[in-house]
């Protein structure tokens, strides 16, 4: 009986590991192909083999050296600046809104939470045309501050996970601090926030990554103002019909460079990231 149980357990483990290995290969294959072909020396968009026969760093060098058509260094800097500012504003907005809904009890609290949850279900592209005309009326069209406003203005609606995390922190801490004379502001900044490193890291990561991935909103707001493009839109432009033949390998190199800082950031903070997601989903 015990032997049969061990045998079935071993077989099930082998099947699970095989499935996971296959899924891992499928997931990693596009990334490996991306890196290998970003170093490919052979010309053209595609080659009839998976592994390039000759490798070179010239694709990366030309990406930063050739600024006549595509100014990748400028786009990278634009994206970094937008990501930093929108990350700071979004993180503060999300955490403060989440703490308010978690700790304070006021009239229409439930109504505001429900409204926020419903609005968060609508995709962002539905408001892009309205955002364009609002920014145009304010004279901010084709500027970097316009993107910072778009990425951070509605960040407070993403309070659900952070609120769930704050709900797990005992309210007795707030009550004890209040008895000692601490204000709500002091409780948040000096007691709750230092204890909320996982959700803080999670919020920072998700807020920072957004501007690196979006190109639809950038395309609408920036139009033909190429100097204010972000890397997402710039790389997308490289794949257009008139450019893809000559710039496809630079496109691959640019994609690898974008992925490096984000990947390093995730690897360094993944423990806090996972803890923040799981703890934030305990209570609503």
Protein backbone atom coordinates (compact mmCIF):
# COMPACT_ATOMS: atom_id res chain seq x y z
CA UNK A 1 0.00 0.00 0.00
CA UNK A 2 2.77 2.39 0.99
CA UNK A 3 4.87 1.38 -2.02
CA UNK A 4 1.99 1.96 -4.43
CA UNK A 5 1.37 5.37 -2.86
CA UNK A 6 5.04 6.32 -3.22
CA UNK A 7 5.07 5.10 -6.82
CA UNK A 8 1.98 7.12 -7.75
CA UNK A 9 3.42 10.15 -5.94
CA UNK A 10 6.70 9.81 -7.84
CA UNK A 11 4.90 9.50 -11.18
CA UNK A 12 2.73 12.54 -10.46
CA UNK A 13 5.81 14.55 -9.45
CA UNK A 14 7.59 13.55 -12.67
CA UNK A 15 4.57 14.57 -14.77
CA UNK A 16 4.32 17.92 -12.97
CA UNK A 17 8.03 18.65 -13.39
CA UNK A 18 7.93 17.72 -17.08
CA UNK A 19 4.96 20.04 -17.65
CA UNK A 20 6.69 22.84 -15.76
CA UNK A 21 9.89 22.29 -17.72
CA UNK A 22 8.02 22.44 -21.04
CA UNK A 23 6.21 25.61 -19.96
CA UNK A 24 9.53 27.10 -18.81
CA UNK A 25 11.13 26.42 -22.19
CA UNK A 26 8.15 27.94 -23.99
CA UNK A 27 8.32 31.03 -21.77
CA UNK A 28 12.09 31.49 -22.05
CA UNK A 29 12.43 30.76 -25.79
CA UNK A 30 11.25 34.18 -27.07
CA UNK A 31 13.57 35.94 -24.62
CA UNK A 32 16.55 33.84 -25.70
CA UNK A 33 15.71 34.45 -29.36
CA UNK A 34 15.45 38.20 -28.68
CA UNK A 35 18.88 38.38 -27.06
CA UNK A 36 20.60 36.17 -29.64
CA UNK A 37 19.23 38.02 -32.67
CA UNK A 38 19.94 41.42 -31.11
CA UNK A 39 23.59 40.32 -31.45
CA UNK A 40 23.16 38.92 -34.97
CA UNK A 41 25.59 40.14 -37.61
CA UNK A 42 23.65 38.79 -40.61
CA UNK A 43 21.54 41.46 -42.36
CA UNK A 44 17.80 41.36 -42.91
CA UNK A 45 14.73 40.86 -40.76
CA UNK A 46 14.84 37.09 -40.49
CA UNK A 47 17.29 34.28 -41.17
CA UNK A 48 16.45 30.61 -41.91
CA UNK A 49 18.03 29.37 -38.67
CA UNK A 50 17.41 29.90 -34.97
CA UNK A 51 20.95 30.57 -33.78
CA UNK A 52 22.89 33.27 -35.63
CA UNK A 53 26.19 32.20 -37.19
CA UNK A 54 27.97 35.48 -36.49
CA UNK A 55 27.61 37.82 -33.52
CA UNK A 56 28.39 41.50 -33.10
CA UNK A 57 27.75 44.41 -30.73
CA UNK A 58 27.33 46.78 -33.66
CA UNK A 59 23.52 46.74 -33.31
CA UNK A 60 23.80 48.17 -29.79
CA UNK A 61 26.48 50.65 -30.82
CA UNK A 62 24.43 51.94 -33.78
CA UNK A 63 21.35 52.21 -31.55
CA UNK A 64 23.10 54.90 -29.47
CA UNK A 65 25.35 56.30 -32.18
CA UNK A 66 22.91 56.81 -35.05
CA UNK A 67 20.53 59.59 -33.91
CA UNK A 68 19.56 60.93 -37.31
CA UNK A 69 16.31 58.96 -37.61
CA UNK A 70 15.78 57.39 -34.19
CA UNK A 71 17.16 59.11 -31.11
CA UNK A 72 17.02 56.15 -28.74
CA UNK A 73 19.11 57.73 -25.91
CA UNK A 74 16.73 60.72 -25.80
CA UNK A 75 13.70 58.40 -25.73
CA UNK A 76 15.22 56.33 -22.95
CA UNK A 77 15.86 59.45 -20.88
CA UNK A 78 12.32 60.73 -21.56
CA UNK A 79 10.84 57.44 -20.39
CA UNK A 80 13.02 57.34 -17.27
CA UNK A 81 12.03 60.88 -16.26
CA UNK A 82 8.33 60.18 -16.85
CA UNK A 83 8.54 56.88 -14.97
CA UNK A 84 10.27 58.43 -11.93
CA UNK A 85 7.86 61.35 -11.53
CA UNK A 86 4.72 59.34 -12.24
CA UNK A 87 5.98 56.62 -9.88
CA UNK A 88 6.43 59.08 -7.00
CA UNK A 89 3.04 60.75 -7.52
CA UNK A 90 1.19 57.48 -8.13
CA UNK A 91 2.73 55.73 -5.12
CA UNK A 92 1.81 58.55 -2.76
CA UNK A 93 -1.71 58.77 -4.19
CA UNK A 94 -2.40 55.05 -3.99
CA UNK A 95 -1.03 54.60 -0.47
CA UNK A 96 -2.83 57.62 0.97
CA UNK A 97 -6.17 56.73 -0.64
CA UNK A 98 -5.77 53.11 0.48
CA UNK A 99 -4.97 54.12 4.06
CA UNK A 100 -7.94 56.47 4.13
CA UNK A 101 -10.38 53.80 2.99
CA UNK A 102 -8.83 51.22 5.29
CA UNK A 103 -8.67 53.20 8.52
CA UNK A 104 -11.11 56.09 8.41
CA UNK A 105 -14.87 55.79 8.70
CA UNK A 106 -16.85 58.59 7.11
CA UNK A 107 -20.12 59.17 5.30
CA UNK A 108 -20.31 57.72 1.77
CA UNK A 109 -17.10 55.71 2.31
CA UNK A 110 -18.64 52.57 0.85
CA UNK A 111 -20.05 54.57 -2.05
CA UNK A 112 -16.65 56.01 -2.93
CA UNK A 113 -15.04 52.57 -2.73
CA UNK A 114 -17.67 51.09 -5.04
CA UNK A 115 -17.36 53.98 -7.49
CA UNK A 116 -13.58 53.58 -7.53
CA UNK A 117 -13.84 49.85 -8.13
CA UNK A 118 -16.32 50.33 -10.99
CA UNK A 119 -14.24 53.06 -12.67
CA UNK A 120 -11.16 50.89 -12.37
CA UNK A 121 -12.86 48.21 -14.48
CA UNK A 122 -13.01 50.46 -17.57
CA UNK A 123 -9.97 50.29 -19.89
CA UNK A 124 -7.87 53.44 -20.03
CA UNK A 125 -8.01 53.83 -23.81
CA UNK A 126 -11.69 54.83 -23.54
CA UNK A 127 -10.63 58.24 -22.19
CA UNK A 128 -7.72 58.93 -24.54
CA UNK A 129 -9.55 61.27 -26.90
CA UNK A 130 -10.99 63.25 -23.99
CA UNK A 131 -7.53 63.44 -22.41
CA UNK A 132 -6.08 64.71 -25.68
CA UNK A 133 -8.50 67.64 -25.92
CA UNK A 134 -8.17 68.48 -22.22
CA UNK A 135 -4.39 68.59 -22.48
CA UNK A 136 -4.64 70.61 -25.70
CA UNK A 137 -6.85 73.16 -23.94
CA UNK A 138 -4.22 73.45 -21.19
CA UNK A 139 -1.39 73.85 -23.71
CA UNK A 140 0.35 70.65 -22.59
CA UNK A 141 -0.01 68.60 -25.75
CA UNK A 142 3.25 67.08 -27.05
CA UNK A 143 5.02 67.62 -23.71
CA UNK A 144 6.44 65.24 -21.11
CA UNK A 145 4.37 66.75 -18.23
CA UNK A 146 1.25 65.68 -20.16
CA UNK A 147 2.28 62.03 -19.91
CA UNK A 148 3.18 62.38 -16.23
CA UNK A 149 -0.30 63.77 -15.55
CA UNK A 150 -1.98 60.99 -17.54
CA UNK A 151 -0.07 58.20 -15.81
CA UNK A 152 -0.45 59.53 -12.27
CA UNK A 153 -3.68 61.53 -12.09
CA UNK A 154 -5.99 58.54 -11.77
CA UNK A 155 -3.57 56.32 -9.84
CA UNK A 156 -5.62 56.56 -6.66
CA UNK A 157 -8.26 54.31 -8.23
CA UNK A 158 -5.82 51.40 -7.91
CA UNK A 159 -6.25 51.28 -4.14
CA UNK A 160 -7.73 47.78 -3.84
CA UNK A 161 -4.58 45.72 -3.18
CA UNK A 162 -2.97 48.36 -0.94
CA UNK A 163 -6.18 48.71 1.05
CA UNK A 164 -6.24 44.95 1.56
CA UNK A 165 -2.70 45.12 2.92
CA UNK A 166 -3.49 47.96 5.33
CA UNK A 167 -6.51 45.99 6.54
CA UNK A 168 -4.13 43.28 7.78
CA UNK A 169 -2.27 45.71 10.07
CA UNK A 170 -3.83 45.66 13.56
CA UNK A 171 -5.88 48.75 14.32
CA UNK A 172 -4.60 48.52 17.90
CA UNK A 173 -1.41 50.23 16.69
CA UNK A 174 -3.43 53.26 15.56
CA UNK A 175 -5.34 53.34 18.83
CA UNK A 176 -2.18 53.12 20.92
CA UNK A 177 -0.52 55.90 18.91
CA UNK A 178 -3.65 58.07 19.23
CA UNK A 179 -3.60 57.64 23.01
CA UNK A 180 0.04 58.77 22.99
CA UNK A 181 -1.01 61.94 21.17
CA UNK A 182 -0.09 61.07 17.56
CA UNK A 183 -2.13 62.56 14.74
CA UNK A 184 -3.47 60.60 11.76
CA UNK A 185 -0.73 62.09 9.63
CA UNK A 186 1.98 60.98 12.07
CA UNK A 187 0.46 57.50 12.39
CA UNK A 188 0.55 57.04 8.62
CA UNK A 189 4.08 58.32 7.97
CA UNK A 190 5.87 57.15 11.11
CA UNK A 191 4.09 53.92 12.07
CA UNK A 192 2.04 52.38 9.24
CA UNK A 193 4.26 53.22 6.26
CA UNK A 194 7.50 51.82 7.76
CA UNK A 195 5.61 48.56 8.40
CA UNK A 196 4.31 48.45 4.82
CA UNK A 197 7.50 47.81 2.87
CA UNK A 198 6.05 44.92 0.79
CA UNK A 199 3.08 46.91 -0.50
CA UNK A 200 5.28 50.00 -0.92
CA UNK A 201 7.67 48.05 -3.15
CA UNK A 202 4.77 46.50 -5.08
CA UNK A 203 3.21 49.92 -5.72
CA UNK A 204 6.53 51.45 -6.76
CA UNK A 205 7.26 48.63 -9.22
CA UNK A 206 3.84 48.65 -10.88
CA UNK A 207 3.85 52.46 -11.13
CA UNK A 208 7.39 52.59 -12.50
CA UNK A 209 6.86 49.96 -15.20
CA UNK A 210 3.74 51.48 -16.77
CA UNK A 211 5.40 54.24 -18.86
CA UNK A 212 7.93 51.76 -20.29
CA UNK A 213 5.20 49.59 -21.81
CA UNK A 214 2.57 52.04 -23.07
CA UNK A 215 2.76 53.45 -26.59
CA UNK A 216 -0.89 54.05 -27.56
CA UNK A 217 -1.37 57.04 -25.27
CA UNK A 218 2.07 58.40 -26.17
CA UNK A 219 1.25 58.17 -29.86
CA UNK A 220 -1.97 60.15 -29.41
CA UNK A 221 -0.45 62.87 -27.22
CA UNK A 222 2.94 63.28 -28.91
CA UNK A 223 1.89 63.02 -32.54
CA UNK A 224 4.95 63.77 -34.69
CA UNK A 225 7.02 65.29 -31.85
CA UNK A 226 9.74 62.64 -32.11
CA UNK A 227 12.08 64.20 -29.56
CA UNK A 228 9.49 63.59 -26.83
CA UNK A 229 8.78 59.96 -27.71
CA UNK A 230 9.18 57.22 -25.13
CA UNK A 231 11.07 54.01 -25.87
CA UNK A 232 7.84 52.05 -26.38
CA UNK A 233 6.64 54.33 -29.19
CA UNK A 234 10.15 54.75 -30.60
CA UNK A 235 10.66 51.00 -30.84
CA UNK A 236 7.23 50.59 -32.39
CA UNK A 237 8.19 53.16 -35.04
CA UNK A 238 11.25 51.05 -35.92
CA UNK A 239 8.95 48.21 -36.96
CA UNK A 240 7.03 50.27 -39.51
CA UNK A 241 7.26 49.17 -43.14
CA UNK A 242 9.75 51.80 -44.31
CA UNK A 243 12.16 51.24 -41.41
CA UNK A 244 11.91 47.61 -40.35
CA UNK A 245 14.37 46.24 -42.92
CA UNK A 246 17.21 48.51 -41.81
CA UNK A 247 16.36 48.90 -38.13
CA UNK A 248 14.97 45.52 -37.06
CA UNK A 249 18.15 44.43 -35.27
CA UNK A 250 18.38 47.82 -33.53
CA UNK A 251 14.77 47.29 -32.47
CA UNK A 252 15.75 43.99 -30.86
CA UNK A 253 18.75 45.60 -29.15
CA UNK A 254 16.58 48.42 -27.82
CA UNK A 255 14.07 45.90 -26.46
CA UNK A 256 16.84 44.09 -24.58
CA UNK A 257 18.16 47.32 -23.07
CA UNK A 258 14.68 48.29 -21.86
CA UNK A 259 14.23 44.89 -20.24
CA UNK A 260 17.53 44.93 -18.31
CA UNK A 261 16.81 47.61 -15.65
CA UNK A 262 13.24 46.40 -15.11
CA UNK A 263 14.40 42.79 -14.77
CA UNK A 264 17.12 43.72 -12.28
CA UNK A 265 14.61 45.75 -10.27
CA UNK A 266 12.20 42.82 -10.13
CA UNK A 267 14.92 40.33 -9.15
CA UNK A 268 16.12 42.56 -6.33
CA UNK A 269 12.63 43.20 -4.96
CA UNK A 270 10.67 40.09 -5.97
CA UNK A 271 10.28 38.84 -2.38
CA UNK A 272 8.62 42.08 -1.31
CA UNK A 273 6.60 42.13 -4.53
CA UNK A 274 5.11 38.67 -3.94
CA UNK A 275 4.52 39.41 -0.25
CA UNK A 276 2.73 42.64 -1.12
CA UNK A 277 0.42 40.92 -3.63
CA UNK A 278 -0.45 38.00 -1.35
CA UNK A 279 -0.94 40.14 1.76
CA UNK A 280 -3.03 42.64 -0.18
CA UNK A 281 -5.40 39.91 -1.27
CA UNK A 282 -6.19 38.65 2.25
CA UNK A 283 -8.87 41.19 3.09
CA UNK A 284 -10.86 43.65 0.99
